[in-house]
Amino acid sequence: MVKKQLIMEKALELFAKQGFEATSVQQITDQCGISKGAFYLSFKSKDELIIALIDQFIEQIFTDIDQVVRSKNSKKNLLYEYYYVSFQSFKQHTDFANILMKEYTQSLNEKLILKMHYFDKLINSDILLLIDRIYGEKVKHTKYDLLYCIKGFTRMYSELFLFQGIPFDLDMNLLCRSLVEKTNLLAQGMTLSFLNQEHMDFSGFQLQSEVTKEQIVSLIEEKVKEMDDSIVKESLLLLQEQTLDQTYSLAIIKGLLENIRNHPHCKWIAYLLGRYFDQKNTAEH
């Protein structure tokens, strides 16, 4: 296992048991069987390590949701699948989700807060796309309120599992179907809107500029250093070449993206590359 990933995995185990503040760099290095010097070659500080873990956690959840919202051809069961994937992602990362939600509510770490706000805006964009695909013009004047209702359902029911001790092994199918029913009732019955586009703009809803080609290339270079898997590594290198000078067809590029998409540490890069190539080909046509 690459040293950086080893540090992240062992640190995650400690953070889940003890919390961020109670866990020292020394405890992490002892758990990994490495020196402090080796730790600081991978991360400048414990805070940088925490941000890397948060990135990995939220990127995996977001990219799973994004893939459902954007790649499903039919709108049938789309809302159900959104809820199902959201709760399944929390289930897979229960320990870290638990501590992150607790630490975030008490955190004064500016980088952490900005990071959470950024991913919150990405989720907003996906939920709005989902709403448009399912309900269209029927919710034109209430879609922003519906957005926050959907987010509220996801968060509130996640907290039942994370904080109230309700086991994730309960009928997930029933939960998701019940939330679809509730969401549909709201979408069909709401007539008064509180939120509108102006509120979204004021709250900083619009995302900052897209990640640049240079930033994507840099991210790939860093990720390649961490990869042991030859197929994933080779696909990353080929995608890096295509980012700099696209010579392959879009079909081949999508095949390369599929090679890396399901790797737990490459989902975010696959998302960024997918958006980059889609926008590039849209602009050219």
C-alpha atoms as a PDB file:
ATOM      1  CA  MET A   1       0.000   0.000   0.000  1.00  0.00           C
ATOM      2  CA  VAL A   2       1.283   3.486  -0.853  1.00  0.00           C
ATOM      3  CA  LYS A   3       2.420   5.301   2.302  1.00  0.00           C
ATOM      4  CA  LYS A   4       0.037   8.244   1.910  1.00  0.00           C
ATOM      5  CA  GLN A   5      -2.976   5.939   1.684  1.00  0.00           C
ATOM      6  CA  LEU A   6      -1.724   3.902   4.656  1.00  0.00           C
ATOM      7  CA  ILE A   7      -1.529   7.072   6.763  1.00  0.00           C
ATOM      8  CA  MET A   8      -5.041   8.103   5.731  1.00  0.00           C
ATOM      9  CA  GLU A   9      -6.540   4.690   6.517  1.00  0.00           C
ATOM     10  CA  LYS A  10      -4.873   4.327   9.919  1.00  0.00           C
ATOM     11  CA  ALA A  11      -5.651   7.940  10.845  1.00  0.00           C
ATOM     12  CA  LEU A  12      -9.285   7.391   9.914  1.00  0.00           C
ATOM     13  CA  GLU A  13      -9.490   4.473  12.345  1.00  0.00           C
ATOM     14  CA  LEU A  14      -8.088   6.631  15.146  1.00  0.00           C
ATOM     15  CA  PHE A  15     -10.245   9.662  14.340  1.00  0.00           C
ATOM     16  CA  ALA A  16     -13.367   7.469  14.374  1.00  0.00           C
ATOM     17  CA  LYS A  17     -12.485   6.187  17.866  1.00  0.00           C
ATOM     18  CA  GLN A  18     -11.078   9.339  19.446  1.00  0.00           C
ATOM     19  CA  GLY A  19     -12.022  12.386  17.383  1.00  0.00           C
ATOM     20  CA  PHE A  20      -9.765  14.794  15.495  1.00  0.00           C
ATOM     21  CA  GLU A  21      -8.482  16.789  18.443  1.00  0.00           C
ATOM     22  CA  ALA A  22      -7.717  13.833  20.697  1.00  0.00           C
ATOM     23  CA  THR A  23      -5.601  12.088  18.064  1.00  0.00           C
ATOM     24  CA  SER A  24      -1.946  13.116  17.785  1.00  0.00           C
ATOM     25  CA  VAL A  25       0.477  12.754  14.879  1.00  0.00           C
ATOM     26  CA  GLN A  26       2.547  10.481  17.126  1.00  0.00           C
ATOM     27  CA  GLN A  27      -0.388   8.117  17.585  1.00  0.00           C
ATOM     28  CA  ILE A  28      -0.939   8.053  13.826  1.00  0.00           C
ATOM     29  CA  THR A  29       2.698   7.267  13.053  1.00  0.00           C
ATOM     30  CA  ASP A  30       2.759   4.561  15.749  1.00  0.00           C
ATOM     31  CA  GLN A  31      -0.337   3.005  14.183  1.00  0.00           C
ATOM     32  CA  CYS A  32       1.325   3.086  10.737  1.00  0.00           C
ATOM     33  CA  GLY A  33       4.725   1.911  11.943  1.00  0.00           C
ATOM     34  CA  ILE A  34       6.495   4.919  10.397  1.00  0.00           C
ATOM     35  CA  SER A  35       8.507   7.889  11.642  1.00  0.00           C
ATOM     36  CA  LYS A  36       7.185  11.423  12.055  1.00  0.00           C
ATOM     37  CA  GLY A  37       9.526  12.455   9.250  1.00  0.00           C
ATOM     38  CA  ALA A  38       7.805  10.011   6.909  1.00  0.00           C
ATOM     39  CA  PHE A  39       4.433  11.440   7.951  1.00  0.00           C
ATOM     40  CA  TYR A  40       5.493  14.993   7.136  1.00  0.00           C
ATOM     41  CA  LEU A  41       6.728  13.923   3.699  1.00  0.00           C
ATOM     42  CA  SER A  42       3.103  13.079   2.886  1.00  0.00           C
ATOM     43  CA  PHE A  43       1.264  15.761   4.884  1.00  0.00           C
ATOM     44  CA  LYS A  44       2.473  19.123   6.134  1.00  0.00           C
ATOM     45  CA  SER A  45       0.266  18.912   9.228  1.00  0.00           C
ATOM     46  CA  LYS A  46      -2.534  16.984  10.888  1.00  0.00           C
ATOM     47  CA  ASP A  47      -4.962  19.607   9.566  1.00  0.00           C
ATOM     48  CA  GLU A  48      -3.841  18.878   5.994  1.00  0.00           C
ATOM     49  CA  LEU A  49      -4.414  15.171   6.619  1.00  0.00           C
ATOM     50  CA  ILE A  50      -7.922  15.881   7.963  1.00  0.00           C
ATOM     51  CA  ILE A  51      -8.782  17.989   4.903  1.00  0.00           C
ATOM     52  CA  ALA A  52      -7.506  15.171   2.632  1.00  0.00           C
ATOM     53  CA  LEU A  53      -9.754  12.671   4.432  1.00  0.00           C
ATOM     54  CA  ILE A  54     -12.746  15.005   4.214  1.00  0.00           C
ATOM     55  CA  ASP A  55     -12.069  15.521   0.500  1.00  0.00           C
ATOM     56  CA  GLN A  56     -11.946  11.777  -0.073  1.00  0.00           C
ATOM     57  CA  PHE A  57     -15.116  11.142   1.954  1.00  0.00           C
ATOM     58  CA  ILE A  58     -17.258  13.870   0.393  1.00  0.00           C
ATOM     59  CA  GLU A  59     -15.901  13.349  -3.118  1.00  0.00           C
ATOM     60  CA  GLN A  60     -16.912   9.686  -3.003  1.00  0.00           C
ATOM     61  CA  ILE A  61     -20.425  10.514  -1.799  1.00  0.00           C
ATOM     62  CA  PHE A  62     -20.875  13.343  -4.295  1.00  0.00           C
ATOM     63  CA  THR A  63     -19.570  11.421  -7.306  1.00  0.00           C
ATOM     64  CA  ASP A  64     -21.850   8.455  -6.512  1.00  0.00           C
ATOM     65  CA  ILE A  65     -24.839  10.823  -6.404  1.00  0.00           C
ATOM     66  CA  ASP A  66     -23.706  12.735  -9.502  1.00  0.00           C
ATOM     67  CA  GLN A  67     -23.371   9.531 -11.512  1.00  0.00           C
ATOM     68  CA  VAL A  68     -26.969   8.554 -10.673  1.00  0.00           C
ATOM     69  CA  VAL A  69     -28.391  11.998 -11.463  1.00  0.00           C
ATOM     70  CA  ARG A  70     -26.521  12.513 -14.752  1.00  0.00           C
ATOM     71  CA  SER A  71     -26.159   9.046 -16.226  1.00  0.00           C
ATOM     72  CA  LYS A  72     -29.600   7.505 -15.696  1.00  0.00           C
ATOM     73  CA  ASN A  73     -31.471   7.748 -19.008  1.00  0.00           C
ATOM     74  CA  SER A  74     -34.982   7.425 -17.587  1.00  0.00           C
ATOM     75  CA  LYS A  75     -36.445   9.616 -14.866  1.00  0.00           C
ATOM     76  CA  LYS A  76     -38.392   6.612 -13.556  1.00  0.00           C
ATOM     77  CA  ASN A  77     -37.058   5.664 -10.097  1.00  0.00           C
ATOM     78  CA  LEU A  78     -34.493   8.491 -10.339  1.00  0.00           C
ATOM     79  CA  LEU A  79     -35.577  10.059  -7.036  1.00  0.00           C
ATOM     80  CA  TYR A  80     -35.589   6.658  -5.325  1.00  0.00           C
ATOM     81  CA  GLU A  81     -32.063   5.964  -6.571  1.00  0.00           C
ATOM     82  CA  TYR A  82     -30.890   9.399  -5.381  1.00  0.00           C
ATOM     83  CA  TYR A  83     -32.069   8.673  -1.842  1.00  0.00           C
ATOM     84  CA  TYR A  84     -30.793   5.091  -1.935  1.00  0.00           C
ATOM     85  CA  VAL A  85     -27.287   6.025  -3.087  1.00  0.00           C
ATOM     86  CA  SER A  86     -27.119   8.870  -0.531  1.00  0.00           C
ATOM     87  CA  PHE A  87     -27.940   6.590   2.409  1.00  0.00           C
ATOM     88  CA  GLN A  88     -25.785   3.740   1.126  1.00  0.00           C
ATOM     89  CA  SER A  89     -22.804   6.106   0.933  1.00  0.00           C
ATOM     90  CA  PHE A  90     -23.354   7.172   4.538  1.00  0.00           C
ATOM     91  CA  LYS A  91     -23.700   3.526   5.539  1.00  0.00           C
ATOM     92  CA  GLN A  92     -20.354   2.657   3.947  1.00  0.00           C
ATOM     93  CA  HIS A  93     -18.633   5.504   5.782  1.00  0.00           C
ATOM     94  CA  THR A  94     -20.660   5.586   9.012  1.00  0.00           C
ATOM     95  CA  ASP A  95     -17.756   6.163  11.416  1.00  0.00           C
ATOM     96  CA  PHE A  96     -16.264   9.068   9.514  1.00  0.00           C
ATOM     97  CA  ALA A  97     -19.652  10.586   8.655  1.00  0.00           C
ATOM     98  CA  ASN A  98     -20.498  10.554  12.358  1.00  0.00           C
ATOM     99  CA  ILE A  99     -17.347  12.326  13.485  1.00  0.00           C
ATOM    100  CA  LEU A 100     -17.343  14.752  10.557  1.00  0.00           C
ATOM    101  CA  MET A 101     -20.873  15.950  11.279  1.00  0.00           C
ATOM    102  CA  LYS A 102     -20.008  16.432  14.957  1.00  0.00           C
ATOM    103  CA  GLU A 103     -16.680  18.168  14.315  1.00  0.00           C
ATOM    104  CA  TYR A 104     -18.054  20.380  11.533  1.00  0.00           C
ATOM    105  CA  THR A 105     -20.777  21.825  13.766  1.00  0.00           C
ATOM    106  CA  GLN A 106     -18.090  22.848  16.287  1.00  0.00           C
ATOM    107  CA  SER A 107     -15.305  23.736  13.858  1.00  0.00           C
ATOM    108  CA  LEU A 108     -13.713  27.127  13.401  1.00  0.00           C
ATOM    109  CA  ASN A 109     -11.333  25.771  10.765  1.00  0.00           C
ATOM    110  CA  GLU A 110     -11.839  28.094   7.800  1.00  0.00           C
ATOM    111  CA  LYS A 111     -10.536  25.596   5.237  1.00  0.00           C
ATOM    112  CA  LEU A 112     -12.925  22.937   6.511  1.00  0.00           C
ATOM    113  CA  ILE A 113     -15.903  25.294   6.417  1.00  0.00           C
ATOM    114  CA  LEU A 114     -15.065  26.508   2.889  1.00  0.00           C
ATOM    115  CA  LYS A 115     -14.606  22.928   1.712  1.00  0.00           C
ATOM    116  CA  MET A 116     -17.987  21.893   3.094  1.00  0.00           C
ATOM    117  CA  HIS A 117     -19.661  24.922   1.497  1.00  0.00           C
ATOM    118  CA  TYR A 118     -18.099  24.095  -1.878  1.00  0.00           C
ATOM    119  CA  PHE A 119     -19.395  20.528  -1.879  1.00  0.00           C
ATOM    120  CA  ASP A 120     -22.767  21.734  -0.634  1.00  0.00           C
ATOM    121  CA  LYS A 121     -23.033  23.879  -3.780  1.00  0.00           C
ATOM    122  CA  LEU A 122     -22.135  20.901  -5.962  1.00  0.00           C
ATOM    123  CA  ILE A 123     -24.881  18.861  -4.318  1.00  0.00           C
ATOM    124  CA  ASN A 124     -27.314  21.762  -4.852  1.00  0.00           C
ATOM    125  CA  SER A 125     -26.528  21.714  -8.573  1.00  0.00           C
ATOM    126  CA  ASP A 126     -27.175  17.974  -8.824  1.00  0.00           C
ATOM    127  CA  ILE A 127     -30.437  18.112  -6.872  1.00  0.00           C
ATOM    128  CA  LEU A 128     -31.689  20.964  -9.055  1.00  0.00           C
ATOM    129  CA  LEU A 129     -30.877  18.910 -12.146  1.00  0.00           C
ATOM    130  CA  LEU A 130     -32.733  15.974 -10.600  1.00  0.00           C
ATOM    131  CA  ILE A 131     -35.757  18.192  -9.854  1.00  0.00           C
ATOM    132  CA  ASP A 132     -35.780  19.577 -13.395  1.00  0.00           C
ATOM    133  CA  ARG A 133     -35.574  16.085 -14.897  1.00  0.00           C
ATOM    134  CA  ILE A 134     -38.387  14.677 -12.766  1.00  0.00           C
ATOM    135  CA  TYR A 135     -40.839  17.568 -12.368  1.00  0.00           C
ATOM    136  CA  GLY A 136     -39.900  20.098 -15.054  1.00  0.00           C
ATOM    137  CA  GLU A 137     -42.109  23.163 -15.357  1.00  0.00           C
ATOM    138  CA  LYS A 138     -44.561  21.882 -12.730  1.00  0.00           C
ATOM    139  CA  VAL A 139     -42.265  23.155  -9.956  1.00  0.00           C
ATOM    140  CA  LYS A 140     -40.796  26.158 -11.768  1.00  0.00           C
ATOM    141  CA  HIS A 141     -41.687  28.543  -8.923  1.00  0.00           C
ATOM    142  CA  THR A 142     -41.065  26.186  -5.994  1.00  0.00           C
ATOM    143  CA  LYS A 143     -37.993  24.202  -7.080  1.00  0.00           C
ATOM    144  CA  TYR A 144     -35.590  25.971  -4.706  1.00  0.00           C
ATOM    145  CA  ASP A 145     -37.819  25.228  -1.726  1.00  0.00           C
ATOM    146  CA  LEU A 146     -38.088  21.638  -2.950  1.00  0.00           C
ATOM    147  CA  LEU A 147     -34.289  21.492  -3.181  1.00  0.00           C
ATOM    148  CA  TYR A 148     -33.966  22.279   0.524  1.00  0.00           C
ATOM    149  CA  CYS A 149     -36.759  19.852   1.423  1.00  0.00           C
ATOM    150  CA  ILE A 150     -34.874  17.015  -0.312  1.00  0.00           C
ATOM    151  CA  LYS A 151     -31.620  18.003   1.398  1.00  0.00           C
ATOM    152  CA  GLY A 152     -33.476  18.221   4.697  1.00  0.00           C
ATOM    153  CA  PHE A 153     -34.933  14.727   4.350  1.00  0.00           C
ATOM    154  CA  THR A 154     -31.502  13.280   3.558  1.00  0.00           C
ATOM    155  CA  ARG A 155     -29.813  15.014   6.462  1.00  0.00           C
ATOM    156  CA  MET A 156     -32.515  14.395   9.066  1.00  0.00           C
ATOM    157  CA  TYR A 157     -32.840  10.696   8.338  1.00  0.00           C
ATOM    158  CA  SER A 158     -29.043  10.303   8.195  1.00  0.00           C
ATOM    159  CA  GLU A 159     -28.875  11.796  11.689  1.00  0.00           C
ATOM    160  CA  LEU A 160     -31.333   9.168  12.905  1.00  0.00           C
ATOM    161  CA  PHE A 161     -28.811   6.513  11.913  1.00  0.00           C
ATOM    162  CA  LEU A 162     -25.698   8.411  12.965  1.00  0.00           C
ATOM    163  CA  PHE A 163     -26.797   9.938  16.275  1.00  0.00           C
ATOM    164  CA  GLN A 164     -29.935   8.130  17.460  1.00  0.00           C
ATOM    165  CA  GLY A 165     -28.613   4.601  17.145  1.00  0.00           C
ATOM    166  CA  ILE A 166     -31.173   3.388  14.606  1.00  0.00           C
ATOM    167  CA  PRO A 167     -29.391   0.609  12.658  1.00  0.00           C
ATOM    168  CA  PHE A 168     -28.700   1.047   8.966  1.00  0.00           C
ATOM    169  CA  ASP A 169     -29.866  -2.551   8.533  1.00  0.00           C
ATOM    170  CA  LEU A 170     -33.499  -1.465   8.724  1.00  0.00           C
ATOM    171  CA  ASP A 171     -35.468  -1.650   5.472  1.00  0.00           C
ATOM    172  CA  MET A 172     -33.606   0.851   3.260  1.00  0.00           C
ATOM    173  CA  ASN A 173     -36.045   0.154   0.442  1.00  0.00           C
ATOM    174  CA  LEU A 174     -39.000   1.213   2.615  1.00  0.00           C
ATOM    175  CA  LEU A 175     -37.194   4.362   3.783  1.00  0.00           C
ATOM    176  CA  CYS A 176     -36.391   5.479   0.232  1.00  0.00           C
ATOM    177  CA  ARG A 177     -39.896   4.728  -1.052  1.00  0.00           C
ATOM    178  CA  SER A 178     -41.405   6.697   1.836  1.00  0.00           C
ATOM    179  CA  LEU A 179     -39.174   9.686   1.083  1.00  0.00           C
ATOM    180  CA  VAL A 180     -40.086   9.537  -2.603  1.00  0.00           C
ATOM    181  CA  GLU A 181     -43.749   9.628  -1.599  1.00  0.00           C
ATOM    182  CA  LYS A 182     -43.190  12.605   0.720  1.00  0.00           C
ATOM    183  CA  THR A 183     -41.175  14.467  -1.916  1.00  0.00           C
ATOM    184  CA  ASN A 184     -43.812  13.881  -4.583  1.00  0.00           C
ATOM    185  CA  LEU A 185     -46.537  15.168  -2.261  1.00  0.00           C
ATOM    186  CA  LEU A 186     -44.539  18.330  -1.630  1.00  0.00           C
ATOM    187  CA  ALA A 187     -43.791  18.817  -5.323  1.00  0.00           C
ATOM    188  CA  GLN A 188     -47.444  18.404  -6.251  1.00  0.00           C
ATOM    189  CA  GLY A 189     -48.909  20.381  -3.359  1.00  0.00           C
ATOM    190  CA  MET A 190     -46.612  23.368  -2.854  1.00  0.00           C
ATOM    191  CA  THR A 191     -48.007  26.661  -4.146  1.00  0.00           C
ATOM    192  CA  LEU A 192     -46.141  29.227  -2.031  1.00  0.00           C
ATOM    193  CA  SER A 193     -42.436  29.695  -2.608  1.00  0.00           C
ATOM    194  CA  PHE A 194     -40.066  31.246  -0.119  1.00  0.00           C
ATOM    195  CA  LEU A 195     -36.782  30.824  -1.997  1.00  0.00           C
ATOM    196  CA  ASN A 196     -35.909  32.046  -5.493  1.00  0.00           C
ATOM    197  CA  GLN A 197     -32.876  32.504  -7.736  1.00  0.00           C
ATOM    198  CA  GLU A 198     -31.941  35.765  -5.999  1.00  0.00           C
ATOM    199  CA  HIS A 199     -31.655  33.964  -2.660  1.00  0.00           C
ATOM    200  CA  MET A 200     -29.427  31.357  -4.262  1.00  0.00           C
ATOM    201  CA  ASP A 201     -27.159  34.009  -5.780  1.00  0.00           C
ATOM    202  CA  PHE A 202     -26.969  35.895  -2.478  1.00  0.00           C
ATOM    203  CA  SER A 203     -26.025  32.742  -0.593  1.00  0.00           C
ATOM    204  CA  GLY A 204     -23.156  32.095  -3.005  1.00  0.00           C
ATOM    205  CA  PHE A 205     -25.000  29.243  -4.715  1.00  0.00           C
ATOM    206  CA  GLN A 206     -23.250  29.819  -8.037  1.00  0.00           C
ATOM    207  CA  LEU A 207     -20.060  27.799  -8.182  1.00  0.00           C
ATOM    208  CA  GLN A 208     -16.724  29.398  -8.738  1.00  0.00           C
ATOM    209  CA  SER A 209     -15.049  28.987 -12.117  1.00  0.00           C
ATOM    210  CA  GLU A 210     -14.539  25.446 -13.401  1.00  0.00           C
ATOM    211  CA  VAL A 211     -11.359  23.591 -12.562  1.00  0.00           C
ATOM    212  CA  THR A 212      -8.788  24.422 -15.245  1.00  0.00           C
ATOM    213  CA  LYS A 213      -7.020  22.000 -17.556  1.00  0.00           C
ATOM    214  CA  GLU A 214      -3.763  22.732 -15.744  1.00  0.00           C
ATOM    215  CA  GLN A 215      -5.306  21.928 -12.362  1.00  0.00           C
ATOM    216  CA  ILE A 216      -6.689  18.638 -13.659  1.00  0.00           C
ATOM    217  CA  VAL A 217      -3.289  17.649 -15.078  1.00  0.00           C
ATOM    218  CA  SER A 218      -1.690  18.477 -11.723  1.00  0.00           C
ATOM    219  CA  LEU A 219      -4.265  16.373  -9.851  1.00  0.00           C
ATOM    220  CA  ILE A 220      -3.602  13.431 -12.160  1.00  0.00           C
ATOM    221  CA  GLU A 221       0.158  13.733 -11.616  1.00  0.00           C
ATOM    222  CA  GLU A 222      -0.344  13.570  -7.846  1.00  0.00           C
ATOM    223  CA  LYS A 223      -2.763  10.654  -8.089  1.00  0.00           C
ATOM    224  CA  VAL A 224      -0.478   8.613 -10.367  1.00  0.00           C
ATOM    225  CA  LYS A 225       2.183   8.680  -7.634  1.00  0.00           C
ATOM    226  CA  GLU A 226      -0.267   6.969  -5.267  1.00  0.00           C
ATOM    227  CA  MET A 227      -1.417   4.225  -7.641  1.00  0.00           C
ATOM    228  CA  ASP A 228      -0.357   0.581  -7.460  1.00  0.00           C
ATOM    229  CA  ASP A 229      -3.081  -0.668  -9.825  1.00  0.00           C
ATOM    230  CA  SER A 230      -1.472  -0.804 -13.287  1.00  0.00           C
ATOM    231  CA  ILE A 231      -4.751  -0.538 -15.256  1.00  0.00           C
ATOM    232  CA  VAL A 232      -5.916   2.500 -13.282  1.00  0.00           C
ATOM    233  CA  LYS A 233      -2.471   4.076 -13.454  1.00  0.00           C
ATOM    234  CA  GLU A 234      -2.174   3.543 -17.215  1.00  0.00           C
ATOM    235  CA  SER A 235      -5.681   4.921 -17.769  1.00  0.00           C
ATOM    236  CA  LEU A 236      -4.834   8.024 -15.739  1.00  0.00           C
ATOM    237  CA  LEU A 237      -1.708   8.635 -17.797  1.00  0.00           C
ATOM    238  CA  LEU A 238      -3.634   8.253 -21.065  1.00  0.00           C
ATOM    239  CA  LEU A 239      -6.343  10.622 -19.807  1.00  0.00           C
ATOM    240  CA  GLN A 240      -3.669  13.120 -18.853  1.00  0.00           C
ATOM    241  CA  GLU A 241      -2.357  13.011 -22.431  1.00  0.00           C
ATOM    242  CA  GLN A 242      -5.871  13.523 -23.788  1.00  0.00           C
ATOM    243  CA  THR A 243      -6.430  16.491 -21.487  1.00  0.00           C
ATOM    244  CA  LEU A 244      -3.373  18.175 -22.962  1.00  0.00           C
ATOM    245  CA  ASP A 245      -4.132  17.174 -26.570  1.00  0.00           C
ATOM    246  CA  GLN A 246      -7.289  15.219 -27.357  1.00  0.00           C
ATOM    247  CA  THR A 247      -6.641  12.721 -30.124  1.00  0.00           C
ATOM    248  CA  TYR A 248      -8.912   9.866 -29.023  1.00  0.00           C
ATOM    249  CA  SER A 249     -12.631   9.692 -29.743  1.00  0.00           C
ATOM    250  CA  LEU A 250     -15.047  10.542 -26.964  1.00  0.00           C
ATOM    251  CA  ALA A 251     -16.091   6.860 -26.831  1.00  0.00           C
ATOM    252  CA  ILE A 252     -12.510   5.762 -26.047  1.00  0.00           C
ATOM    253  CA  ILE A 253     -12.151   8.518 -23.443  1.00  0.00           C
ATOM    254  CA  LYS A 254     -15.364   7.367 -21.754  1.00  0.00           C
ATOM    255  CA  GLY A 255     -13.943   3.838 -21.684  1.00  0.00           C
ATOM    256  CA  LEU A 256     -10.809   5.107 -19.943  1.00  0.00           C
ATOM    257  CA  LEU A 257     -12.986   7.024 -17.476  1.00  0.00           C
ATOM    258  CA  GLU A 258     -14.864   3.818 -16.647  1.00  0.00           C
ATOM    259  CA  ASN A 259     -11.497   2.194 -15.863  1.00  0.00           C
ATOM    260  CA  ILE A 260     -10.868   4.713 -13.091  1.00  0.00           C
ATOM    261  CA  ARG A 261     -14.399   5.662 -11.997  1.00  0.00           C
ATOM    262  CA  ASN A 262     -14.923   2.783  -9.578  1.00  0.00           C
ATOM    263  CA  HIS A 263     -11.525   3.097  -7.909  1.00  0.00           C
ATOM    264  CA  PRO A 264     -12.295   4.651  -4.484  1.00  0.00           C
ATOM    265  CA  HIS A 265      -9.472   7.181  -4.801  1.00  0.00           C
ATOM    266  CA  CYS A 266     -10.137   8.231  -8.409  1.00  0.00           C
ATOM    267  CA  LYS A 267     -13.851   9.064  -8.387  1.00  0.00           C
ATOM    268  CA  TRP A 268     -13.276  12.803  -8.078  1.00  0.00           C
ATOM    269  CA  ILE A 269     -10.763  12.937 -10.922  1.00  0.00           C
ATOM    270  CA  ALA A 270     -13.146  10.865 -13.067  1.00  0.00           C
ATOM    271  CA  TYR A 271     -15.899  13.389 -12.313  1.00  0.00           C
ATOM    272  CA  LEU A 272     -13.695  16.391 -13.189  1.00  0.00           C
ATOM    273  CA  LEU A 273     -12.412  14.753 -16.372  1.00  0.00           C
ATOM    274  CA  GLY A 274     -15.930  13.770 -17.428  1.00  0.00           C
ATOM    275  CA  ARG A 275     -17.160  17.338 -17.015  1.00  0.00           C
ATOM    276  CA  TYR A 276     -14.065  18.714 -18.772  1.00  0.00           C
ATOM    277  CA  PHE A 277     -14.416  16.509 -21.875  1.00  0.00           C
ATOM    278  CA  ASP A 278     -18.204  17.010 -22.043  1.00  0.00           C
ATOM    279  CA  GLN A 279     -17.796  20.802 -21.967  1.00  0.00           C
ATOM    280  CA  LYS A 280     -14.936  20.694 -24.478  1.00  0.00           C
ATOM    281  CA  ASN A 281     -16.914  18.621 -26.963  1.00  0.00           C
ATOM    282  CA  THR A 282     -20.056  20.713 -26.459  1.00  0.00           C
ATOM    283  CA  ALA A 283     -18.051  23.864 -27.218  1.00  0.00           C
ATOM    284  CA  GLU A 284     -16.591  22.292 -30.371  1.00  0.00           C
ATOM    285  CA  HIS A 285     -20.026  21.307 -31.658  1.00  0.00           C
END
